Amino acid sequence: MKRIFVPLLGELGDRAALDAAGKLLAASGGFVDARVLRRDPRDVLPIVGEGFGAAMIDEVMAAAEKGSKEQAVKARKTFDDWAAAVGANVGAAPGASGLSAAFDELVGPVPGVEVAAERVSDVVICARAPREVSPDRAALLEVAVMEAGRPIIVVPDAELESIATTILVAWNGSAEAARAVSMAMPLLAQAGKVVVVTVDDGDVSADPEPLADTLRANGVKAEAVKAEMDKAGVAATLEVEAGKQKADLILIGAYSHSRVREFVMGGVTDDALTDGSVPMMLAR
């Protein structure tokens, strides 16, 4: 993986995502495409609605523009501090040797304006955020999982010692999980250890061993484990198993059944996006 897209919002979580991107590319080099997402002030007009005079509308738009610019300034400072700390070659084009990075702005609807940039990247990295703490980041993550068509790495808002050196693969035999494994093969191949885990939740009966066999045939250092589900649920079980295996990345297939989106985002995927201390890579 050589090109990582990092969406910035000018808030807590930006530095954690940049740090994770830098660590992921530290050994092999690559390009960090960091862009601050700014709403177009005109997007507030439908929210203002009828009954507002021209002066009040101008005032609301001016406040929105000010907030957007302040957001961009904060994001730029975070990026500059990170780039200086890791010695990134700022301004170099993708494909340059070592770690390179660039900063830019995307102006438009948030979330949504970032999807095109995500689709031409190898992976997207963003920090976790409970919806009540950062509704924009939570919405950004949901749209990335559902629309980007690329794997998404979600990291805690804390400094990581390492990432993707030991990977836990959550395996339930689903098509989503299979696609996640396929998308993650570059990381699985370079990991020092990969553990394929099936959580026994009383419903899933997948055997982790055949997948481990396939991974080993492809040169991946893989082993298989079956885990009993913790009473707190599948996501909590994966976190516990990650602790046992000293894993610094959990790979899961993000469910996208069309019959109820709320059910999709209200299960393991939702837990991965908002909770947990171990980075998670989601793909669908």
Protein backbone atom coordinates (compact mmCIF):
# COMPACT_ATOMS: atom_id res chain seq x y z
CA MET A 1 0.00 0.00 0.00
CA LYS A 2 1.59 3.22 -1.20
CA ARG A 3 -1.10 5.90 -1.10
CA ILE A 4 -3.05 6.67 2.07
CA PHE A 5 -5.88 9.19 2.20
CA VAL A 6 -6.32 10.98 5.54
CA PRO A 7 -9.39 13.25 5.82
CA LEU A 8 -8.86 16.07 8.31
CA LEU A 9 -11.51 18.04 10.19
CA GLY A 10 -9.42 20.46 12.21
CA GLU A 11 -10.19 18.67 15.46
CA LEU A 12 -8.97 15.98 17.82
CA GLY A 13 -8.27 12.78 15.96
CA ASP A 14 -6.45 14.38 13.01
CA ARG A 15 -2.99 13.82 14.51
CA ALA A 16 -3.79 10.21 15.48
CA ALA A 17 -4.79 9.41 11.89
CA LEU A 18 -1.66 11.06 10.46
CA ASP A 19 0.57 9.25 12.96
CA ALA A 20 -0.98 5.90 11.98
CA ALA A 21 -0.44 6.66 8.29
CA GLY A 22 3.19 7.52 8.92
CA LYS A 23 3.79 4.32 10.90
CA LEU A 24 2.12 2.20 8.21
CA LEU A 25 4.44 3.62 5.54
CA ALA A 26 7.57 3.93 7.68
CA ALA A 27 9.26 0.78 6.40
CA SER A 28 8.40 0.86 2.70
CA GLY A 29 7.66 4.53 2.08
CA GLY A 30 4.64 5.99 0.36
CA PHE A 31 2.39 9.02 0.00
CA VAL A 32 0.05 10.51 2.60
CA ASP A 33 -2.72 12.50 0.92
CA ALA A 34 -4.06 14.72 3.71
CA ARG A 35 -7.00 16.99 2.98
CA VAL A 36 -9.08 19.14 5.26
CA LEU A 37 -12.80 18.90 4.51
CA ARG A 38 -14.55 22.27 4.51
CA ARG A 39 -18.24 22.93 4.05
CA ASP A 40 -19.21 25.47 1.44
CA PRO A 41 -21.00 28.24 3.42
CA ARG A 42 -23.77 28.12 0.83
CA ASP A 43 -24.62 24.66 2.16
CA VAL A 44 -26.16 26.29 5.24
CA LEU A 45 -28.83 28.05 3.18
CA PRO A 46 -31.29 25.10 3.14
CA ILE A 47 -30.87 24.87 6.93
CA VAL A 48 -31.62 28.57 7.43
CA GLY A 49 -34.92 28.21 5.58
CA GLU A 50 -37.70 30.71 5.14
CA GLY A 51 -38.44 33.56 7.49
CA PHE A 52 -34.88 34.88 7.61
CA GLY A 53 -34.04 38.28 6.21
CA ALA A 54 -31.10 38.95 3.90
CA ALA A 55 -29.04 40.48 6.71
CA MET A 56 -29.50 37.45 8.96
CA ILE A 57 -28.66 35.06 6.12
CA ASP A 58 -25.47 37.03 5.42
CA GLU A 59 -24.59 36.83 9.11
CA VAL A 60 -25.11 33.06 9.22
CA MET A 61 -23.03 32.54 6.08
CA ALA A 62 -20.25 34.77 7.42
CA ALA A 63 -20.14 32.74 10.63
CA ALA A 64 -20.03 29.50 8.64
CA GLU A 65 -17.19 30.82 6.48
CA LYS A 66 -15.24 31.92 9.56
CA GLY A 67 -15.67 28.54 11.21
CA SER A 68 -14.61 26.76 8.04
CA LYS A 69 -11.43 28.84 7.73
CA GLU A 70 -10.55 28.29 11.40
CA GLN A 71 -11.01 24.57 10.87
CA ALA A 72 -8.60 24.65 7.91
CA VAL A 73 -5.99 26.59 9.90
CA LYS A 74 -6.10 24.03 12.73
CA ALA A 75 -5.82 21.14 10.30
CA ARG A 76 -2.87 22.75 8.52
CA LYS A 77 -0.99 23.25 11.78
CA THR A 78 -1.62 19.63 12.78
CA PHE A 79 -0.34 18.47 9.40
CA ASP A 80 2.76 20.69 9.51
CA ASP A 81 3.63 19.56 13.05
CA TRP A 82 3.24 15.90 12.05
CA ALA A 83 5.24 16.26 8.82
CA ALA A 84 8.10 17.95 10.68
CA ALA A 85 8.09 15.27 13.39
CA VAL A 86 8.32 12.35 10.94
CA GLY A 87 10.47 14.06 8.32
CA ALA A 88 7.94 13.71 5.53
CA ASN A 89 8.87 15.15 2.14
CA VAL A 90 6.03 17.65 1.81
CA GLY A 91 5.00 18.46 -1.73
CA ALA A 92 6.60 15.44 -3.36
CA ALA A 93 4.38 13.58 -5.82
CA PRO A 94 3.08 10.06 -5.22
CA GLY A 95 5.78 7.56 -6.14
CA ALA A 96 8.66 9.55 -4.66
CA SER A 97 11.08 7.58 -2.51
CA GLY A 98 10.66 7.56 1.26
CA LEU A 99 7.71 9.10 3.08
CA SER A 100 6.07 11.95 1.19
CA ALA A 101 2.93 13.92 1.92
CA ALA A 102 0.73 16.73 0.67
CA PHE A 103 -1.94 18.94 2.23
CA ASP A 104 -4.93 20.36 0.43
CA GLU A 105 -8.53 21.44 0.97
CA LEU A 106 -11.77 19.91 -0.26
CA VAL A 107 -14.74 22.27 -0.19
CA GLY A 108 -18.24 20.87 -0.46
CA PRO A 109 -20.76 18.72 1.40
CA VAL A 110 -19.36 16.92 4.45
CA PRO A 111 -19.44 13.98 4.28
CA GLY A 112 -19.36 13.29 0.56
CA VAL A 113 -16.82 15.66 -0.95
CA GLU A 114 -13.99 13.29 0.00
CA VAL A 115 -15.27 10.09 -1.65
CA ALA A 116 -13.56 10.61 -5.03
CA ALA A 117 -10.17 11.03 -3.34
CA GLU A 118 -10.77 7.94 -1.22
CA ARG A 119 -11.49 5.78 -4.28
CA VAL A 120 -8.06 6.48 -5.83
CA SER A 121 -6.18 5.66 -2.62
CA ASP A 122 -5.00 2.28 -1.37
CA VAL A 123 -6.49 2.81 2.08
CA VAL A 124 -8.25 5.51 4.14
CA ILE A 125 -7.23 6.22 7.74
CA CYS A 126 -9.39 8.13 10.20
CA ALA A 127 -9.70 8.34 13.98
CA ARG A 128 -12.62 6.85 15.87
CA ALA A 129 -15.22 9.24 17.21
CA PRO A 130 -18.47 8.64 19.07
CA ARG A 131 -21.32 10.40 17.29
CA GLU A 132 -22.07 12.59 20.32
CA VAL A 133 -18.45 13.82 20.39
CA SER A 134 -17.93 14.44 16.68
CA PRO A 135 -20.98 13.95 14.47
CA ASP A 136 -19.02 14.98 11.36
CA ARG A 137 -16.30 12.38 11.95
CA ALA A 138 -18.84 9.67 12.71
CA ALA A 139 -20.73 10.48 9.50
CA LEU A 140 -17.45 10.65 7.57
CA LEU A 141 -16.51 7.15 8.71
CA GLU A 142 -19.91 5.72 7.84
CA VAL A 143 -19.82 7.16 4.33
CA ALA A 144 -16.24 5.93 3.82
CA VAL A 145 -17.22 2.38 4.74
CA MET A 146 -20.34 2.41 2.59
CA GLU A 147 -19.17 4.41 -0.44
CA ALA A 148 -15.37 4.52 -0.85
CA GLY A 149 -14.90 0.99 -2.13
CA ARG A 150 -11.54 0.96 -0.36
CA PRO A 151 -10.45 -0.46 3.00
CA ILE A 152 -10.81 1.91 5.95
CA ILE A 153 -8.50 1.85 8.96
CA VAL A 154 -10.06 3.33 12.08
CA VAL A 155 -7.63 4.21 14.86
CA PRO A 156 -8.14 5.31 18.48
CA ASP A 157 -7.40 8.94 19.31
CA ALA A 158 -4.15 7.97 21.02
CA GLU A 159 -0.53 7.39 20.09
CA LEU A 160 0.14 3.94 18.66
CA GLU A 161 3.34 2.03 19.26
CA SER A 162 2.85 0.05 16.06
CA ILE A 163 0.22 -0.92 13.50
CA ALA A 164 -0.26 -3.99 11.30
CA THR A 165 2.72 -5.93 12.68
CA THR A 166 0.35 -8.57 14.12
CA ILE A 167 -3.07 -8.73 12.45
CA LEU A 168 -6.22 -10.39 13.76
CA VAL A 169 -8.55 -11.47 10.93
CA ALA A 170 -12.20 -11.74 12.02
CA TRP A 171 -13.54 -14.62 9.93
CA ASN A 172 -17.18 -15.68 9.65
CA GLY A 173 -17.13 -17.09 6.13
CA SER A 174 -19.08 -14.17 4.64
CA ALA A 175 -18.46 -12.54 1.27
CA GLU A 176 -17.67 -9.28 3.07
CA ALA A 177 -15.00 -10.96 5.19
CA ALA A 178 -13.52 -12.63 2.10
CA ARG A 179 -13.29 -9.30 0.27
CA ALA A 180 -11.69 -7.72 3.35
CA VAL A 181 -8.99 -10.39 3.33
CA SER A 182 -8.39 -9.82 -0.40
CA MET A 183 -8.08 -6.05 0.03
CA ALA A 184 -5.74 -6.46 2.98
CA MET A 185 -3.34 -8.93 1.34
CA PRO A 186 -0.47 -6.40 1.03
CA LEU A 187 -0.59 -5.84 4.80
CA LEU A 188 -1.15 -9.51 5.63
CA ALA A 189 1.85 -10.49 3.52
CA GLN A 190 4.22 -8.17 5.38
CA ALA A 191 2.85 -8.78 8.90
CA GLY A 192 5.00 -10.72 11.32
CA LYS A 193 1.97 -12.72 12.46
CA VAL A 194 -1.64 -13.17 11.28
CA VAL A 195 -4.30 -14.85 13.42
CA VAL A 196 -7.56 -15.92 11.75
CA VAL A 197 -10.27 -15.84 14.43
CA THR A 198 -13.81 -17.17 14.28
CA VAL A 199 -16.04 -15.98 17.12
CA ASP A 200 -18.55 -18.60 18.23
CA ASP A 201 -21.71 -16.52 18.66
CA GLY A 202 -24.09 -19.45 18.39
CA ASP A 203 -24.82 -18.68 14.75
CA VAL A 204 -21.57 -18.49 12.79
CA SER A 205 -20.01 -21.90 12.23
CA ALA A 206 -17.14 -20.97 9.93
CA ASP A 207 -13.87 -22.83 10.38
CA PRO A 208 -10.84 -20.49 10.49
CA GLU A 209 -8.35 -23.19 9.51
CA PRO A 210 -9.04 -23.32 5.72
CA LEU A 211 -8.47 -19.58 5.40
CA ALA A 212 -5.29 -19.87 7.45
CA ASP A 213 -4.19 -22.65 5.08
CA THR A 214 -4.80 -20.41 2.06
CA LEU A 215 -2.91 -17.53 3.62
CA ARG A 216 0.04 -19.77 4.47
CA ALA A 217 0.08 -21.03 0.88
CA ASN A 218 0.48 -17.39 -0.14
CA GLY A 219 3.43 -16.86 2.17
CA VAL A 220 1.49 -15.29 5.06
CA LYS A 221 2.54 -16.31 8.59
CA ALA A 222 -0.97 -17.36 9.61
CA GLU A 223 -2.59 -19.46 12.33
CA ALA A 224 -6.20 -20.21 13.26
CA VAL A 225 -8.12 -19.67 16.51
CA LYS A 226 -11.73 -20.21 17.62
CA ALA A 227 -12.95 -17.86 20.36
CA GLU A 228 -15.99 -18.07 22.62
CA MET A 229 -18.08 -14.90 22.43
CA ASP A 230 -17.81 -12.50 25.33
CA LYS A 231 -21.15 -11.41 26.82
CA ALA A 232 -20.40 -7.88 25.61
CA GLY A 233 -20.57 -9.04 21.99
CA VAL A 234 -18.44 -9.90 18.98
CA ALA A 235 -16.47 -6.64 18.86
CA ALA A 236 -15.53 -6.97 22.53
CA THR A 237 -14.47 -10.59 21.95
CA LEU A 238 -12.19 -9.50 19.13
CA GLU A 239 -10.63 -6.84 21.36
CA VAL A 240 -9.95 -9.43 24.06
CA GLU A 241 -8.42 -11.85 21.55
CA ALA A 242 -6.34 -9.03 20.09
CA GLY A 243 -4.93 -8.44 23.57
CA LYS A 244 -4.06 -12.11 23.93
CA GLN A 245 -2.33 -12.19 20.55
CA LYS A 246 -0.75 -8.75 20.98
CA ALA A 247 -2.39 -7.72 17.71
CA ASP A 248 -2.16 -4.09 16.62
CA LEU A 249 -4.77 -4.32 13.84
CA ILE A 250 -8.11 -6.14 13.56
CA LEU A 251 -9.46 -6.86 10.07
CA ILE A 252 -13.21 -7.21 9.64
CA GLY A 253 -15.66 -7.33 6.77
CA ALA A 254 -18.12 -4.46 7.06
CA TYR A 255 -21.70 -5.69 6.55
CA SER A 256 -23.84 -3.92 3.99
CA HIS A 257 -27.14 -5.80 3.78
CA SER A 258 -29.56 -3.49 2.02
CA ARG A 259 -32.64 -4.54 3.94
CA VAL A 260 -31.89 -2.27 6.92
CA ARG A 261 -28.93 0.10 6.96
CA GLU A 262 -29.54 0.78 10.65
CA PHE A 263 -29.02 -2.90 11.39
CA VAL A 264 -25.81 -2.88 9.38
CA MET A 265 -24.30 0.12 11.14
CA GLY A 266 -25.71 -0.89 14.51
CA GLY A 267 -23.72 -4.11 14.83
CA VAL A 268 -20.03 -4.99 14.86
CA THR A 269 -19.28 -2.32 12.24
CA ASP A 270 -20.73 0.43 14.40
CA ASP A 271 -18.76 -0.78 17.42
CA ALA A 272 -15.59 -0.76 15.33
CA LEU A 273 -16.21 2.82 14.20
CA THR A 274 -16.90 4.28 17.64
CA ASP A 275 -15.32 2.10 20.34
CA GLY A 276 -12.22 0.12 21.13
CA SER A 277 -8.52 0.66 21.70
CA VAL A 278 -7.18 -1.49 18.84
CA PRO A 279 -7.07 -0.13 15.27
CA MET A 280 -9.56 -1.83 12.97
CA MET A 281 -9.48 -2.22 9.21
CA LEU A 282 -12.91 -2.48 7.60
CA ALA A 283 -13.74 -3.41 4.03
CA ARG A 284 -16.86 -4.46 2.12
